[in-house]
C-alpha atoms as a PDB file:
ATOM      1  CA  UNK A   1     -10.536 -17.121  -2.006  1.00  0.00           C
ATOM      2  CA  UNK A   2     -12.205 -15.249   0.708  1.00  0.00           C
ATOM      3  CA  UNK A   3     -12.391 -11.073  -0.302  1.00  0.00           C
ATOM      4  CA  UNK A   4      -9.646  -9.522   1.692  1.00  0.00           C
ATOM      5  CA  UNK A   5     -11.017  -6.550   3.878  1.00  0.00           C
ATOM      6  CA  UNK A   6      -8.802  -3.339   4.308  1.00  0.00           C
ATOM      7  CA  UNK A   7     -10.114  -0.306   6.167  1.00  0.00           C
ATOM      8  CA  UNK A   8      -9.580   2.582   4.490  1.00  0.00           C
ATOM      9  CA  UNK A   9      -5.877   3.695   5.999  1.00  0.00           C
ATOM     10  CA  UNK A  10      -4.673   0.676   5.012  1.00  0.00           C
ATOM     11  CA  UNK A  11      -5.777   1.664   1.728  1.00  0.00           C
ATOM     12  CA  UNK A  12      -4.016   5.016   1.659  1.00  0.00           C
ATOM     13  CA  UNK A  13      -1.404   3.101   2.887  1.00  0.00           C
ATOM     14  CA  UNK A  14      -0.936   1.323   0.034  1.00  0.00           C
ATOM     15  CA  UNK A  15      -1.858   3.560  -3.129  1.00  0.00           C
ATOM     16  CA  UNK A  16       1.523   5.653  -1.537  1.00  0.00           C
ATOM     17  CA  UNK A  17       3.220   1.946  -1.283  1.00  0.00           C
ATOM     18  CA  UNK A  18       2.874   1.564  -4.688  1.00  0.00           C
ATOM     19  CA  UNK A  19       3.337   4.613  -5.624  1.00  0.00           C
ATOM     20  CA  UNK A  20       6.967   4.588  -4.401  1.00  0.00           C
ATOM     21  CA  UNK A  21       7.115   5.871  -1.534  1.00  0.00           C
ATOM     22  CA  UNK A  22       9.491   5.447   2.127  1.00  0.00           C
ATOM     23  CA  UNK A  23       8.197   4.394   5.124  1.00  0.00           C
ATOM     24  CA  UNK A  24       9.407   7.995   5.881  1.00  0.00           C
ATOM     25  CA  UNK A  25       7.592  10.182   3.327  1.00  0.00           C
ATOM     26  CA  UNK A  26       4.035   8.071   4.494  1.00  0.00           C
ATOM     27  CA  UNK A  27       4.387   8.896   7.872  1.00  0.00           C
ATOM     28  CA  UNK A  28       5.411  12.889   6.695  1.00  0.00           C
ATOM     29  CA  UNK A  29       1.531  12.762   4.214  1.00  0.00           C
ATOM     30  CA  UNK A  30      -0.473  10.961   7.377  1.00  0.00           C
ATOM     31  CA  UNK A  31       1.155  12.431  10.203  1.00  0.00           C
ATOM     32  CA  UNK A  32       1.764   8.896  11.204  1.00  0.00           C
ATOM     33  CA  UNK A  33       5.139   7.972  13.144  1.00  0.00           C
ATOM     34  CA  UNK A  34       7.711   5.272  10.987  1.00  0.00           C
ATOM     35  CA  UNK A  35       7.078   3.000  13.999  1.00  0.00           C
ATOM     36  CA  UNK A  36       3.458   3.142  12.933  1.00  0.00           C
ATOM     37  CA  UNK A  37       4.037   2.844   9.487  1.00  0.00           C
ATOM     38  CA  UNK A  38       5.487  -0.523  10.097  1.00  0.00           C
ATOM     39  CA  UNK A  39       2.965  -1.755  11.922  1.00  0.00           C
ATOM     40  CA  UNK A  40       0.687  -1.033   9.109  1.00  0.00           C
ATOM     41  CA  UNK A  41       2.375  -2.016   7.028  1.00  0.00           C
ATOM     42  CA  UNK A  42       3.212  -5.360   8.390  1.00  0.00           C
ATOM     43  CA  UNK A  43      -0.437  -5.802   8.948  1.00  0.00           C
ATOM     44  CA  UNK A  44      -1.487  -5.261   6.003  1.00  0.00           C
ATOM     45  CA  UNK A  45       1.662  -7.822   4.425  1.00  0.00           C
ATOM     46  CA  UNK A  46       0.137 -10.407   6.176  1.00  0.00           C
ATOM     47  CA  UNK A  47      -3.614  -9.725   5.123  1.00  0.00           C
ATOM     48  CA  UNK A  48      -2.596  -9.891   1.521  1.00  0.00           C
ATOM     49  CA  UNK A  49      -0.593 -12.991   2.240  1.00  0.00           C
ATOM     50  CA  UNK A  50       3.331 -10.448   1.032  1.00  0.00           C
ATOM     51  CA  UNK A  51       6.390 -10.896   2.502  1.00  0.00           C
ATOM     52  CA  UNK A  52       7.732  -6.894   1.188  1.00  0.00           C
ATOM     53  CA  UNK A  53       5.907  -3.622  -0.983  1.00  0.00           C
ATOM     54  CA  UNK A  54       7.110  -4.899  -3.637  1.00  0.00           C
ATOM     55  CA  UNK A  55       4.473  -8.037  -3.304  1.00  0.00           C
ATOM     56  CA  UNK A  56       1.851  -5.809  -1.761  1.00  0.00           C
ATOM     57  CA  UNK A  57       1.733  -2.704  -3.771  1.00  0.00           C
ATOM     58  CA  UNK A  58       1.296  -5.634  -6.852  1.00  0.00           C
ATOM     59  CA  UNK A  59      -0.987  -7.943  -5.396  1.00  0.00           C
ATOM     60  CA  UNK A  60      -3.564  -4.175  -4.112  1.00  0.00           C
ATOM     61  CA  UNK A  61      -3.100  -3.468  -8.086  1.00  0.00           C
ATOM     62  CA  UNK A  62      -3.962  -6.993  -9.046  1.00  0.00           C
ATOM     63  CA  UNK A  63      -7.490  -7.133  -7.189  1.00  0.00           C
ATOM     64  CA  UNK A  64      -8.681  -3.833  -7.414  1.00  0.00           C
ATOM     65  CA  UNK A  65      -7.941  -2.892  -3.683  1.00  0.00           C
ATOM     66  CA  UNK A  66      -5.820   0.703  -5.362  1.00  0.00           C
ATOM     67  CA  UNK A  67      -6.784   2.544  -8.494  1.00  0.00           C
ATOM     68  CA  UNK A  68      -4.435   1.704 -11.514  1.00  0.00           C
ATOM     69  CA  UNK A  69      -1.895   4.668 -10.887  1.00  0.00           C
ATOM     70  CA  UNK A  70      -2.483   6.801 -14.261  1.00  0.00           C
ATOM     71  CA  UNK A  71      -0.348   6.709 -17.836  1.00  0.00           C
ATOM     72  CA  UNK A  72       1.700   8.778 -19.786  1.00  0.00           C
ATOM     73  CA  UNK A  73       1.599   8.697 -23.257  1.00  0.00           C
ATOM     74  CA  UNK A  74       4.560   8.328 -25.190  1.00  0.00           C
ATOM     75  CA  UNK A  75       5.885  11.189 -27.006  1.00  0.00           C
END
């Protein structure tokens, strides 16, 4: 399998998706329209071969496209 090439903006979107952010929150955070976010997510899903944001976030984490989320110690 060849390496997946994502742009810096696509990686930024994936990081926020992995944090559970909505399209509206992504748009506000990145100063982009929600339609632009939807279009970007569609392109990301195609590149990764995923059908939804959960699959994309899991794929990105498993393939080190985005850093692992920080863990919090249990009390």
